């Protein structure tokens, strides 16, 4: 199932990119609640990246 592997790889890549963006937002001092609302990530997931 080559297409399944490609789909999984794309999702992992998107998650990594989102995590990078969240880390940059945190470094700029953005509030975790705002980041959570903008990205759709849970507060706990955002806090784990802090």
C-alpha atoms as a PDB file:
ATOM      1  CA  UNK A   1       0.000   0.000   0.000  1.00  0.00           C
ATOM      2  CA  UNK A   2       2.289   2.727  -1.260  1.00  0.00           C
ATOM      3  CA  UNK A   3      -0.414   5.395  -1.137  1.00  0.00           C
ATOM      4  CA  UNK A   4      -0.991   4.733   2.585  1.00  0.00           C
ATOM      5  CA  UNK A   5       2.684   5.359   3.287  1.00  0.00           C
ATOM      6  CA  UNK A   6       2.635   8.577   1.305  1.00  0.00           C
ATOM      7  CA  UNK A   7      -0.456   9.794   3.158  1.00  0.00           C
ATOM      8  CA  UNK A   8       1.108   8.995   6.536  1.00  0.00           C
ATOM      9  CA  UNK A   9       4.306  10.780   5.517  1.00  0.00           C
ATOM     10  CA  UNK A  10       2.395  13.873   4.431  1.00  0.00           C
ATOM     11  CA  UNK A  11       0.456  14.018   7.700  1.00  0.00           C
ATOM     12  CA  UNK A  12       3.662  13.659   9.723  1.00  0.00           C
ATOM     13  CA  UNK A  13       5.268  16.433   7.708  1.00  0.00           C
ATOM     14  CA  UNK A  14       2.294  18.732   8.248  1.00  0.00           C
ATOM     15  CA  UNK A  15       2.378  18.074  11.987  1.00  0.00           C
ATOM     16  CA  UNK A  16       6.110  18.821  12.167  1.00  0.00           C
ATOM     17  CA  UNK A  17       5.630  22.093  10.298  1.00  0.00           C
ATOM     18  CA  UNK A  18       2.740  23.071  12.584  1.00  0.00           C
ATOM     19  CA  UNK A  19       4.909  22.304  15.619  1.00  0.00           C
ATOM     20  CA  UNK A  20       7.692  24.507  14.226  1.00  0.00           C
ATOM     21  CA  UNK A  21       5.248  27.369  13.727  1.00  0.00           C
ATOM     22  CA  UNK A  22       3.834  26.951  17.243  1.00  0.00           C
ATOM     23  CA  UNK A  23       7.350  27.008  18.722  1.00  0.00           C
ATOM     24  CA  UNK A  24       8.060  30.270  16.889  1.00  0.00           C
ATOM     25  CA  UNK A  25       4.789  31.760  18.158  1.00  0.00           C
ATOM     26  CA  UNK A  26       5.709  30.773  21.714  1.00  0.00           C
ATOM     27  CA  UNK A  27       9.178  32.318  21.351  1.00  0.00           C
ATOM     28  CA  UNK A  28       7.530  35.559  20.254  1.00  0.00           C
ATOM     29  CA  UNK A  29       5.533  35.525  23.487  1.00  0.00           C
ATOM     30  CA  UNK A  30       2.109  34.679  22.101  1.00  0.00           C
ATOM     31  CA  UNK A  31      -0.422  33.382  24.603  1.00  0.00           C
ATOM     32  CA  UNK A  32      -0.965  29.610  24.528  1.00  0.00           C
ATOM     33  CA  UNK A  33      -4.753  30.072  24.393  1.00  0.00           C
ATOM     34  CA  UNK A  34      -4.482  32.225  21.270  1.00  0.00           C
ATOM     35  CA  UNK A  35      -2.087  29.757  19.646  1.00  0.00           C
ATOM     36  CA  UNK A  36      -4.489  26.934  20.451  1.00  0.00           C
ATOM     37  CA  UNK A  37      -7.406  28.787  18.844  1.00  0.00           C
ATOM     38  CA  UNK A  38      -5.417  29.725  15.732  1.00  0.00           C
ATOM     39  CA  UNK A  39      -3.881  26.291  15.138  1.00  0.00           C
ATOM     40  CA  UNK A  40      -6.676  24.073  16.418  1.00  0.00           C
ATOM     41  CA  UNK A  41      -4.221  22.281  18.704  1.00  0.00           C
ATOM     42  CA  UNK A  42      -5.221  21.479  22.259  1.00  0.00           C
ATOM     43  CA  UNK A  43      -3.851  23.635  25.064  1.00  0.00           C
ATOM     44  CA  UNK A  44      -1.929  20.640  26.415  1.00  0.00           C
ATOM     45  CA  UNK A  45      -0.272  20.008  23.053  1.00  0.00           C
ATOM     46  CA  UNK A  46       0.746  23.671  22.751  1.00  0.00           C
ATOM     47  CA  UNK A  47       2.110  23.680  26.299  1.00  0.00           C
ATOM     48  CA  UNK A  48       4.157  20.533  25.597  1.00  0.00           C
ATOM     49  CA  UNK A  49       6.000  22.426  22.867  1.00  0.00           C
ATOM     50  CA  UNK A  50       6.826  25.310  25.203  1.00  0.00           C
END
